[in-house]
Protein backbone atom coordinates (compact mmCIF):
# COMPACT_ATOMS: atom_id res chain seq x y z
CA UNK A 1 -37.71 -37.35 -56.74
CA UNK A 2 -40.57 -35.87 -54.72
CA UNK A 3 -39.89 -32.77 -52.64
CA UNK A 4 -39.65 -33.24 -48.91
CA UNK A 5 -42.72 -32.00 -47.04
CA UNK A 6 -42.99 -30.29 -43.69
CA UNK A 7 -45.12 -31.96 -40.99
CA UNK A 8 -48.88 -31.50 -41.15
CA UNK A 9 -50.57 -29.17 -38.69
CA UNK A 10 -52.80 -31.16 -36.30
CA UNK A 11 -55.31 -29.56 -33.91
CA UNK A 12 -57.82 -31.43 -31.75
CA UNK A 13 -60.32 -30.10 -29.24
CA UNK A 14 -63.27 -31.50 -27.29
CA UNK A 15 -66.28 -29.25 -27.88
CA UNK A 16 -69.23 -28.91 -25.53
CA UNK A 17 -71.68 -29.17 -28.43
CA UNK A 18 -73.56 -31.92 -30.24
CA UNK A 19 -72.08 -33.43 -33.38
CA UNK A 20 -75.09 -32.05 -35.30
CA UNK A 21 -74.29 -28.50 -34.19
CA UNK A 22 -70.56 -28.88 -34.90
CA UNK A 23 -71.25 -30.44 -38.32
CA UNK A 24 -73.37 -27.41 -39.22
CA UNK A 25 -70.47 -25.16 -38.16
CA UNK A 26 -67.99 -26.97 -40.43
CA UNK A 27 -70.19 -27.84 -43.42
CA UNK A 28 -72.08 -24.63 -44.21
CA UNK A 29 -70.86 -21.33 -45.58
CA UNK A 30 -72.50 -19.45 -42.69
CA UNK A 31 -71.00 -21.78 -40.11
CA UNK A 32 -67.46 -21.57 -41.50
CA UNK A 33 -67.75 -17.77 -41.72
CA UNK A 34 -68.83 -17.65 -38.08
CA UNK A 35 -65.62 -19.12 -36.66
CA UNK A 36 -63.06 -18.92 -39.44
CA UNK A 37 -63.47 -16.75 -42.57
CA UNK A 38 -66.01 -15.64 -45.19
CA UNK A 39 -66.43 -18.09 -48.06
CA UNK A 40 -68.63 -19.45 -50.82
CA UNK A 41 -68.53 -23.05 -49.52
CA UNK A 42 -71.32 -25.48 -50.44
CA UNK A 43 -71.37 -29.05 -49.07
CA UNK A 44 -71.13 -30.73 -52.49
CA UNK A 45 -68.33 -33.13 -53.44
CA UNK A 46 -66.00 -31.68 -56.13
CA UNK A 47 -67.62 -28.23 -55.74
CA UNK A 48 -65.20 -25.33 -56.16
CA UNK A 49 -65.44 -22.42 -53.74
CA UNK A 50 -63.53 -19.39 -52.46
CA UNK A 51 -62.12 -18.54 -49.04
CA UNK A 52 -62.05 -14.76 -48.61
CA UNK A 53 -58.85 -14.27 -46.61
CA UNK A 54 -59.07 -10.49 -46.18
CA UNK A 55 -55.67 -8.86 -46.78
CA UNK A 56 -54.29 -12.16 -48.14
CA UNK A 57 -56.85 -12.20 -50.95
CA UNK A 58 -59.17 -14.92 -52.18
CA UNK A 59 -58.09 -18.56 -52.15
CA UNK A 60 -59.56 -21.09 -54.60
CA UNK A 61 -60.66 -24.36 -53.00
CA UNK A 62 -62.40 -27.60 -53.96
CA UNK A 63 -64.39 -30.00 -51.77
CA UNK A 64 -62.66 -33.40 -51.88
CA UNK A 65 -64.18 -35.23 -48.87
CA UNK A 66 -67.78 -35.12 -47.68
CA UNK A 67 -68.98 -37.70 -45.18
CA UNK A 68 -71.91 -36.05 -43.35
CA UNK A 69 -71.44 -35.67 -39.59
CA UNK A 70 -67.97 -37.28 -39.82
CA UNK A 71 -65.54 -35.66 -42.28
CA UNK A 72 -65.17 -32.75 -44.62
CA UNK A 73 -62.05 -31.94 -46.60
CA UNK A 74 -60.90 -29.65 -49.34
CA UNK A 75 -57.93 -28.71 -51.49
CA UNK A 76 -56.83 -25.18 -50.74
CA UNK A 77 -54.77 -22.73 -52.75
CA UNK A 78 -51.04 -23.51 -52.73
CA UNK A 79 -51.26 -27.30 -52.75
CA UNK A 80 -52.67 -27.44 -49.22
CA UNK A 81 -55.36 -29.79 -48.00
CA UNK A 82 -57.60 -29.30 -44.99
CA UNK A 83 -59.47 -32.19 -43.37
CA UNK A 84 -61.87 -31.89 -40.43
CA UNK A 85 -63.03 -35.02 -38.62
CA UNK A 86 -65.75 -35.19 -35.99
CA UNK A 87 -66.40 -37.91 -33.42
CA UNK A 88 -69.48 -38.05 -31.22
CA UNK A 89 -68.59 -38.47 -27.55
CA UNK A 90 -70.55 -39.28 -24.42
CA UNK A 91 -72.64 -36.57 -22.77
CA UNK A 92 -73.32 -34.61 -25.97
CA UNK A 93 -69.75 -33.52 -26.64
CA UNK A 94 -67.86 -33.73 -29.93
CA UNK A 95 -64.20 -34.30 -30.70
CA UNK A 96 -63.04 -31.97 -33.50
CA UNK A 97 -59.79 -32.78 -35.31
CA UNK A 98 -58.24 -30.66 -38.02
CA UNK A 99 -55.31 -31.57 -40.26
CA UNK A 100 -53.75 -28.94 -42.54
CA UNK A 101 -51.33 -30.70 -44.91
CA UNK A 102 -49.30 -30.03 -48.04
CA UNK A 103 -46.50 -27.87 -46.62
CA UNK A 104 -43.28 -27.51 -48.62
CA UNK A 105 -39.92 -26.52 -47.08
CA UNK A 106 -40.24 -23.06 -48.67
CA UNK A 107 -43.41 -22.51 -46.63
CA UNK A 108 -41.77 -23.06 -43.22
CA UNK A 109 -42.40 -19.51 -42.02
CA UNK A 110 -46.04 -19.38 -43.16
CA UNK A 111 -46.59 -22.87 -41.68
CA UNK A 112 -45.36 -21.60 -38.30
CA UNK A 113 -47.71 -18.60 -38.53
CA UNK A 114 -50.64 -20.78 -39.60
CA UNK A 115 -49.96 -23.25 -36.80
CA UNK A 116 -50.38 -20.45 -34.26
CA UNK A 117 -53.44 -19.17 -36.07
CA UNK A 118 -55.08 -22.60 -36.07
CA UNK A 119 -54.37 -22.93 -32.35
CA UNK A 120 -56.46 -19.83 -31.64
CA UNK A 121 -59.14 -20.60 -34.24
CA UNK A 122 -59.71 -24.20 -33.11
CA UNK A 123 -59.35 -23.73 -29.36
CA UNK A 124 -60.91 -20.27 -28.91
CA UNK A 125 -62.88 -19.02 -31.95
CA UNK A 126 -64.73 -22.28 -32.75
CA UNK A 127 -65.84 -22.99 -29.16
CA UNK A 128 -66.96 -19.37 -28.75
CA UNK A 129 -68.97 -19.57 -31.99
CA UNK A 130 -70.65 -22.79 -30.83
CA UNK A 131 -71.75 -21.15 -27.56
CA UNK A 132 -74.04 -18.83 -29.53
């Protein structure tokens, strides 16, 4: 019998930036480092990379989804999966949606912490990075 999972974390924001600019922010090592954390990401399907999570150490990851200008996804550390989807909107804006899945009941506390962290990262840090 499969273990029960906790709900995925979902975050969506409308960004005042073109889909090209947002795609660069989510699909390059420099971009991801600018709004989230240092990494060795390369936009290559099945490519392994590292997220450098400071005091939490390095997390091994692997690119599992790569659909230029639309979706990027990767497996992350403890059985997690992160998917980012972009949608081009009118007037040069972009809808950014993030789903962080793979939570087990034992991870309830860290999920709660990460949910708050994603709220700030997606709704404050990413838009501020894109203003540059």
